[in-house]
N, C-alpha and C. Protein backbone atom coordinates (compact mmCIF):
# COMPACT_ATOMS: atom_id res chain seq x y z
N MET A 1 -13.02 -20.40 -15.98
CA MET A 1 -11.82 -20.88 -15.32
C MET A 1 -11.93 -22.39 -15.15
N SER A 2 -10.80 -23.04 -15.26
CA SER A 2 -10.75 -24.48 -15.16
C SER A 2 -10.96 -24.94 -13.72
N SER A 3 -11.69 -26.04 -13.57
CA SER A 3 -11.91 -26.58 -12.23
C SER A 3 -10.84 -27.61 -11.87
N ARG A 4 -9.92 -27.88 -12.79
CA ARG A 4 -8.86 -28.85 -12.56
C ARG A 4 -7.83 -28.26 -11.61
N PRO A 5 -7.40 -29.02 -10.60
CA PRO A 5 -6.39 -28.51 -9.67
C PRO A 5 -5.10 -28.13 -10.39
N VAL A 6 -4.47 -27.05 -9.95
CA VAL A 6 -3.25 -26.56 -10.57
C VAL A 6 -2.14 -27.61 -10.55
N ASN A 7 -2.04 -28.36 -9.46
CA ASN A 7 -0.94 -29.33 -9.36
C ASN A 7 -1.11 -30.50 -10.32
N ARG A 8 -2.20 -30.55 -11.04
CA ARG A 8 -2.39 -31.62 -12.03
C ARG A 8 -2.22 -31.08 -13.45
N GLU A 9 -1.70 -29.87 -13.56
CA GLU A 9 -1.47 -29.26 -14.87
C GLU A 9 -0.48 -30.10 -15.65
N ASN A 10 -0.68 -30.18 -16.94
CA ASN A 10 0.19 -30.94 -17.82
C ASN A 10 1.58 -30.30 -17.81
N PRO A 11 2.61 -31.03 -17.37
CA PRO A 11 3.96 -30.46 -17.31
C PRO A 11 4.47 -29.98 -18.67
N ASP A 12 4.06 -30.66 -19.75
CA ASP A 12 4.48 -30.24 -21.08
C ASP A 12 3.94 -28.85 -21.41
N ARG A 13 2.70 -28.58 -21.01
CA ARG A 13 2.10 -27.27 -21.26
C ARG A 13 2.85 -26.20 -20.47
N LEU A 14 3.15 -26.47 -19.21
CA LEU A 14 3.87 -25.49 -18.39
C LEU A 14 5.25 -25.22 -18.97
N TYR A 15 5.89 -26.26 -19.48
CA TYR A 15 7.20 -26.10 -20.12
C TYR A 15 7.08 -25.19 -21.33
N THR A 16 6.04 -25.39 -22.11
CA THR A 16 5.81 -24.58 -23.30
C THR A 16 5.50 -23.13 -22.94
N VAL A 17 4.65 -22.94 -21.94
CA VAL A 17 4.24 -21.60 -21.52
C VAL A 17 5.45 -20.77 -21.07
N THR A 18 6.39 -21.40 -20.39
CA THR A 18 7.54 -20.68 -19.85
C THR A 18 8.76 -20.73 -20.76
N GLY A 19 8.62 -21.36 -21.90
CA GLY A 19 9.77 -21.48 -22.80
C GLY A 19 10.88 -22.33 -22.21
N GLY A 20 10.51 -23.26 -21.33
CA GLY A 20 11.47 -24.16 -20.73
C GLY A 20 12.14 -23.63 -19.47
N ARG A 21 11.86 -22.40 -19.12
CA ARG A 21 12.47 -21.84 -17.90
C ARG A 21 11.70 -22.32 -16.69
N SER A 22 12.44 -22.60 -15.63
CA SER A 22 11.77 -23.12 -14.44
C SER A 22 12.04 -22.30 -13.19
N ARG A 23 12.91 -21.33 -13.27
CA ARG A 23 13.26 -20.54 -12.09
C ARG A 23 13.18 -19.06 -12.43
N VAL A 24 12.83 -18.30 -11.40
CA VAL A 24 12.82 -16.85 -11.50
C VAL A 24 13.43 -16.32 -10.20
N ASP A 25 14.01 -15.17 -10.26
CA ASP A 25 14.59 -14.55 -9.07
C ASP A 25 13.48 -14.30 -8.07
N GLU A 26 13.48 -15.05 -6.97
CA GLU A 26 12.41 -14.95 -5.97
C GLU A 26 12.33 -13.58 -5.30
N THR A 27 13.41 -12.80 -5.39
CA THR A 27 13.37 -11.47 -4.78
C THR A 27 12.75 -10.44 -5.72
N SER A 28 12.51 -10.83 -6.97
CA SER A 28 11.99 -9.87 -7.94
C SER A 28 10.55 -9.45 -7.63
N MET A 29 9.77 -10.35 -7.10
CA MET A 29 8.39 -10.02 -6.73
C MET A 29 7.84 -11.13 -5.85
N ASP A 30 6.87 -10.75 -5.01
CA ASP A 30 6.24 -11.78 -4.19
C ASP A 30 4.77 -11.89 -4.59
N MET A 31 4.02 -12.67 -3.86
CA MET A 31 2.64 -12.96 -4.25
C MET A 31 1.70 -11.76 -4.14
N VAL A 32 2.06 -10.76 -3.34
CA VAL A 32 1.18 -9.60 -3.19
C VAL A 32 1.67 -8.38 -3.97
N THR A 33 2.73 -8.54 -4.76
CA THR A 33 3.17 -7.45 -5.63
C THR A 33 2.05 -7.13 -6.60
N LEU A 34 1.78 -5.84 -6.76
CA LEU A 34 0.73 -5.41 -7.67
C LEU A 34 1.31 -5.18 -9.06
N ILE A 35 0.63 -5.69 -10.04
CA ILE A 35 1.07 -5.60 -11.43
C ILE A 35 0.11 -4.69 -12.19
N VAL A 36 0.66 -3.78 -13.01
CA VAL A 36 -0.15 -2.86 -13.80
C VAL A 36 0.33 -2.89 -15.24
N SER A 37 -0.61 -3.03 -16.17
CA SER A 37 -0.28 -3.00 -17.61
C SER A 37 0.16 -1.60 -18.00
N GLU A 38 1.16 -1.53 -18.86
CA GLU A 38 1.63 -0.25 -19.38
C GLU A 38 1.33 -0.08 -20.86
N CYS A 39 0.74 -1.11 -21.47
CA CYS A 39 0.40 -1.05 -22.89
C CYS A 39 -0.68 -2.08 -23.19
N ASP A 40 -1.20 -2.00 -24.39
CA ASP A 40 -2.18 -2.99 -24.85
C ASP A 40 -1.42 -4.16 -25.48
N PRO A 41 -2.07 -5.32 -25.53
CA PRO A 41 -1.43 -6.46 -26.21
C PRO A 41 -1.20 -6.15 -27.69
N THR A 42 -0.21 -6.80 -28.26
CA THR A 42 0.08 -6.64 -29.68
C THR A 42 -0.11 -7.98 -30.38
N PRO A 43 -0.39 -7.94 -31.68
CA PRO A 43 -0.57 -9.19 -32.42
C PRO A 43 0.67 -10.07 -32.32
N GLY A 44 0.43 -11.37 -32.15
CA GLY A 44 1.51 -12.34 -32.09
C GLY A 44 2.04 -12.61 -30.69
N MET A 45 1.51 -11.88 -29.69
CA MET A 45 1.96 -12.13 -28.32
C MET A 45 1.45 -13.47 -27.83
N GLN A 46 2.19 -14.07 -26.91
CA GLN A 46 1.76 -15.31 -26.26
C GLN A 46 0.42 -15.06 -25.57
N SER A 47 -0.49 -16.01 -25.66
CA SER A 47 -1.85 -15.82 -25.13
C SER A 47 -1.87 -15.49 -23.65
N GLU A 48 -0.97 -16.09 -22.86
CA GLU A 48 -0.93 -15.79 -21.43
C GLU A 48 -0.50 -14.36 -21.18
N HIS A 49 0.43 -13.85 -21.99
CA HIS A 49 0.85 -12.45 -21.87
C HIS A 49 -0.32 -11.52 -22.19
N VAL A 50 -1.08 -11.86 -23.21
CA VAL A 50 -2.26 -11.06 -23.57
C VAL A 50 -3.25 -11.03 -22.41
N LYS A 51 -3.52 -12.18 -21.83
CA LYS A 51 -4.47 -12.25 -20.70
C LYS A 51 -3.98 -11.42 -19.52
N ILE A 52 -2.69 -11.47 -19.25
CA ILE A 52 -2.13 -10.70 -18.14
C ILE A 52 -2.29 -9.20 -18.41
N LEU A 53 -1.95 -8.75 -19.61
CA LEU A 53 -2.08 -7.33 -19.93
C LEU A 53 -3.52 -6.86 -19.83
N ASP A 54 -4.45 -7.68 -20.31
CA ASP A 54 -5.88 -7.32 -20.21
C ASP A 54 -6.33 -7.28 -18.75
N MET A 55 -5.90 -8.24 -17.97
CA MET A 55 -6.32 -8.37 -16.58
C MET A 55 -5.75 -7.26 -15.70
N CYS A 56 -4.60 -6.75 -16.05
CA CYS A 56 -3.89 -5.82 -15.17
C CYS A 56 -4.03 -4.36 -15.58
N ARG A 57 -5.14 -4.03 -16.18
CA ARG A 57 -5.41 -2.62 -16.49
C ARG A 57 -5.49 -1.82 -15.20
N TYR A 58 -5.90 -2.49 -14.14
CA TYR A 58 -5.91 -1.93 -12.79
C TYR A 58 -4.97 -2.79 -11.97
N PRO A 59 -4.36 -2.25 -10.92
CA PRO A 59 -3.41 -3.04 -10.13
C PRO A 59 -4.00 -4.39 -9.69
N THR A 60 -3.25 -5.44 -9.98
CA THR A 60 -3.69 -6.81 -9.67
C THR A 60 -2.53 -7.56 -9.04
N ALA A 61 -2.79 -8.25 -7.94
CA ALA A 61 -1.75 -8.99 -7.23
C ALA A 61 -1.34 -10.23 -8.02
N VAL A 62 -0.09 -10.60 -7.88
CA VAL A 62 0.47 -11.78 -8.55
C VAL A 62 -0.38 -13.01 -8.25
N VAL A 63 -0.79 -13.18 -7.01
CA VAL A 63 -1.58 -14.35 -6.63
C VAL A 63 -2.95 -14.34 -7.33
N GLU A 64 -3.53 -13.17 -7.56
CA GLU A 64 -4.80 -13.09 -8.28
C GLU A 64 -4.61 -13.49 -9.74
N ILE A 65 -3.52 -13.05 -10.33
CA ILE A 65 -3.22 -13.41 -11.72
C ILE A 65 -3.07 -14.92 -11.83
N SER A 66 -2.34 -15.50 -10.90
CA SER A 66 -2.14 -16.95 -10.87
C SER A 66 -3.47 -17.68 -10.80
N SER A 67 -4.34 -17.20 -9.94
CA SER A 67 -5.64 -17.83 -9.78
C SER A 67 -6.48 -17.71 -11.05
N GLU A 68 -6.50 -16.53 -11.61
CA GLU A 68 -7.31 -16.30 -12.82
C GLU A 68 -6.81 -17.12 -14.01
N LEU A 69 -5.50 -17.25 -14.14
CA LEU A 69 -4.93 -18.03 -15.24
C LEU A 69 -4.90 -19.53 -14.95
N ALA A 70 -5.17 -19.91 -13.70
CA ALA A 70 -5.09 -21.31 -13.27
C ALA A 70 -3.71 -21.89 -13.55
N LEU A 71 -2.69 -21.08 -13.23
CA LEU A 71 -1.30 -21.50 -13.38
C LEU A 71 -0.59 -21.33 -12.05
N PRO A 72 0.42 -22.14 -11.78
CA PRO A 72 1.19 -21.98 -10.54
C PRO A 72 1.83 -20.60 -10.47
N VAL A 73 1.97 -20.08 -9.26
CA VAL A 73 2.57 -18.76 -9.06
C VAL A 73 3.96 -18.70 -9.68
N SER A 74 4.72 -19.77 -9.56
CA SER A 74 6.08 -19.78 -10.12
C SER A 74 6.07 -19.57 -11.63
N VAL A 75 5.11 -20.15 -12.32
CA VAL A 75 4.99 -19.98 -13.77
C VAL A 75 4.56 -18.55 -14.09
N VAL A 76 3.61 -18.03 -13.33
CA VAL A 76 3.13 -16.67 -13.54
C VAL A 76 4.28 -15.67 -13.34
N LYS A 77 5.11 -15.90 -12.34
CA LYS A 77 6.24 -14.99 -12.10
C LYS A 77 7.19 -14.96 -13.30
N ILE A 78 7.39 -16.09 -13.94
CA ILE A 78 8.25 -16.14 -15.14
C ILE A 78 7.62 -15.30 -16.24
N LEU A 79 6.31 -15.46 -16.44
CA LEU A 79 5.61 -14.68 -17.46
C LEU A 79 5.66 -13.19 -17.15
N LEU A 80 5.48 -12.85 -15.88
CA LEU A 80 5.52 -11.44 -15.47
C LEU A 80 6.91 -10.85 -15.66
N CYS A 81 7.94 -11.61 -15.39
CA CYS A 81 9.31 -11.12 -15.61
C CYS A 81 9.55 -10.83 -17.09
N ASP A 82 9.00 -11.66 -17.97
CA ASP A 82 9.09 -11.39 -19.41
C ASP A 82 8.49 -10.02 -19.73
N LEU A 83 7.30 -9.78 -19.22
CA LEU A 83 6.60 -8.52 -19.49
C LEU A 83 7.29 -7.34 -18.82
N LEU A 84 7.82 -7.56 -17.64
CA LEU A 84 8.52 -6.50 -16.91
C LEU A 84 9.81 -6.11 -17.65
N ASP A 85 10.54 -7.10 -18.15
CA ASP A 85 11.79 -6.85 -18.87
C ASP A 85 11.57 -6.03 -20.15
N THR A 86 10.38 -6.17 -20.74
CA THR A 86 10.09 -5.43 -21.98
C THR A 86 9.32 -4.14 -21.73
N GLY A 87 9.09 -3.82 -20.46
CA GLY A 87 8.40 -2.57 -20.12
C GLY A 87 6.90 -2.58 -20.36
N ARG A 88 6.33 -3.76 -20.55
CA ARG A 88 4.88 -3.85 -20.82
C ARG A 88 4.04 -3.79 -19.54
N ILE A 89 4.69 -4.05 -18.40
CA ILE A 89 4.02 -3.94 -17.11
C ILE A 89 4.96 -3.23 -16.13
N THR A 90 4.37 -2.74 -15.06
CA THR A 90 5.18 -2.27 -13.94
C THR A 90 4.75 -3.06 -12.72
N ALA A 91 5.67 -3.18 -11.79
CA ALA A 91 5.39 -3.91 -10.55
C ALA A 91 5.44 -2.91 -9.41
N ARG A 92 4.40 -2.92 -8.61
CA ARG A 92 4.35 -2.07 -7.43
C ARG A 92 4.54 -2.96 -6.22
N TYR A 93 5.71 -2.86 -5.65
CA TYR A 93 6.07 -3.73 -4.54
C TYR A 93 5.39 -3.25 -3.26
N PRO A 94 4.95 -4.18 -2.43
CA PRO A 94 4.30 -3.79 -1.18
C PRO A 94 5.29 -3.09 -0.25
N ALA A 95 4.78 -2.11 0.47
CA ALA A 95 5.62 -1.42 1.45
C ALA A 95 5.93 -2.40 2.57
N SER A 96 7.14 -2.37 3.05
CA SER A 96 7.48 -3.27 4.15
C SER A 96 6.86 -2.74 5.43
N ALA A 97 6.57 -3.64 6.32
CA ALA A 97 5.95 -3.26 7.60
C ALA A 97 6.94 -2.48 8.44
N PRO A 98 6.47 -1.51 9.19
CA PRO A 98 7.37 -0.77 10.07
C PRO A 98 8.05 -1.72 11.06
N ALA A 99 9.26 -1.38 11.44
CA ALA A 99 10.03 -2.25 12.32
C ALA A 99 9.33 -2.50 13.65
N LYS A 100 8.54 -1.53 14.11
CA LYS A 100 7.89 -1.67 15.40
C LYS A 100 6.49 -2.27 15.29
N ALA A 101 6.12 -2.74 14.10
CA ALA A 101 4.79 -3.33 13.95
C ALA A 101 4.67 -4.55 14.85
N GLN A 102 3.57 -4.62 15.54
CA GLN A 102 3.37 -5.73 16.48
C GLN A 102 2.44 -6.76 15.84
N LEU A 103 2.86 -7.98 15.86
CA LEU A 103 2.05 -9.06 15.31
C LEU A 103 0.96 -9.42 16.31
N PRO A 104 -0.19 -9.90 15.79
CA PRO A 104 -1.26 -10.31 16.71
C PRO A 104 -0.81 -11.50 17.55
N SER A 105 -1.41 -11.60 18.72
CA SER A 105 -1.06 -12.72 19.61
C SER A 105 -1.54 -14.03 19.02
N SER A 106 -0.95 -15.11 19.47
CA SER A 106 -1.36 -16.42 18.96
C SER A 106 -2.81 -16.72 19.33
N GLU A 107 -3.28 -16.18 20.45
CA GLU A 107 -4.68 -16.39 20.86
C GLU A 107 -5.64 -15.74 19.86
N ILE A 108 -5.33 -14.54 19.43
CA ILE A 108 -6.18 -13.86 18.44
C ILE A 108 -6.16 -14.64 17.13
N LEU A 109 -4.99 -15.11 16.72
CA LEU A 109 -4.90 -15.89 15.49
C LEU A 109 -5.72 -17.17 15.58
N LYS A 110 -5.71 -17.83 16.73
CA LYS A 110 -6.52 -19.03 16.93
C LYS A 110 -8.00 -18.70 16.82
N GLN A 111 -8.42 -17.57 17.39
CA GLN A 111 -9.83 -17.17 17.31
C GLN A 111 -10.25 -16.89 15.87
N VAL A 112 -9.36 -16.25 15.12
CA VAL A 112 -9.65 -15.99 13.71
C VAL A 112 -9.79 -17.30 12.95
N LEU A 113 -8.89 -18.25 13.20
CA LEU A 113 -8.94 -19.54 12.55
C LEU A 113 -10.25 -20.27 12.86
N VAL A 114 -10.66 -20.26 14.12
CA VAL A 114 -11.92 -20.89 14.53
C VAL A 114 -13.08 -20.21 13.80
N GLY A 115 -13.05 -18.90 13.75
CA GLY A 115 -14.11 -18.16 13.06
C GLY A 115 -14.18 -18.51 11.59
N LEU A 116 -13.03 -18.63 10.94
CA LEU A 116 -12.99 -18.99 9.52
C LEU A 116 -13.51 -20.41 9.29
N GLU A 117 -13.16 -21.31 10.19
CA GLU A 117 -13.63 -22.69 10.05
C GLU A 117 -15.14 -22.79 10.19
N LYS A 118 -15.75 -21.87 10.92
CA LYS A 118 -17.20 -21.90 11.12
C LYS A 118 -17.96 -21.36 9.92
N LEU A 119 -17.26 -20.68 9.02
CA LEU A 119 -17.93 -20.12 7.83
C LEU A 119 -18.41 -21.17 6.88
């Protein structure tokens, strides 16, 4: 994996990877949507599509795919929509939280943050 920060990615490469598309329907999937391959890669496929299909033999979150490919989430979502439209992957959307789910108090969140900073 590249150690270069994602925000320094060559814009020309990102343009090429997405075929010039820059937007995807944000409601189509979020960062924790699980992606599963439904087929093996075929000859002539775009290399990023091949990597996604290989990586997603088991359910893999969009954010994990983004990290593994070292591409911005927005670019990965475009690639995933391509694969989804052709039936090569399926997306398993996260269940929404129950309406009565109670969020942790701000004090607990502060304690967690302090604990993480100490790691």
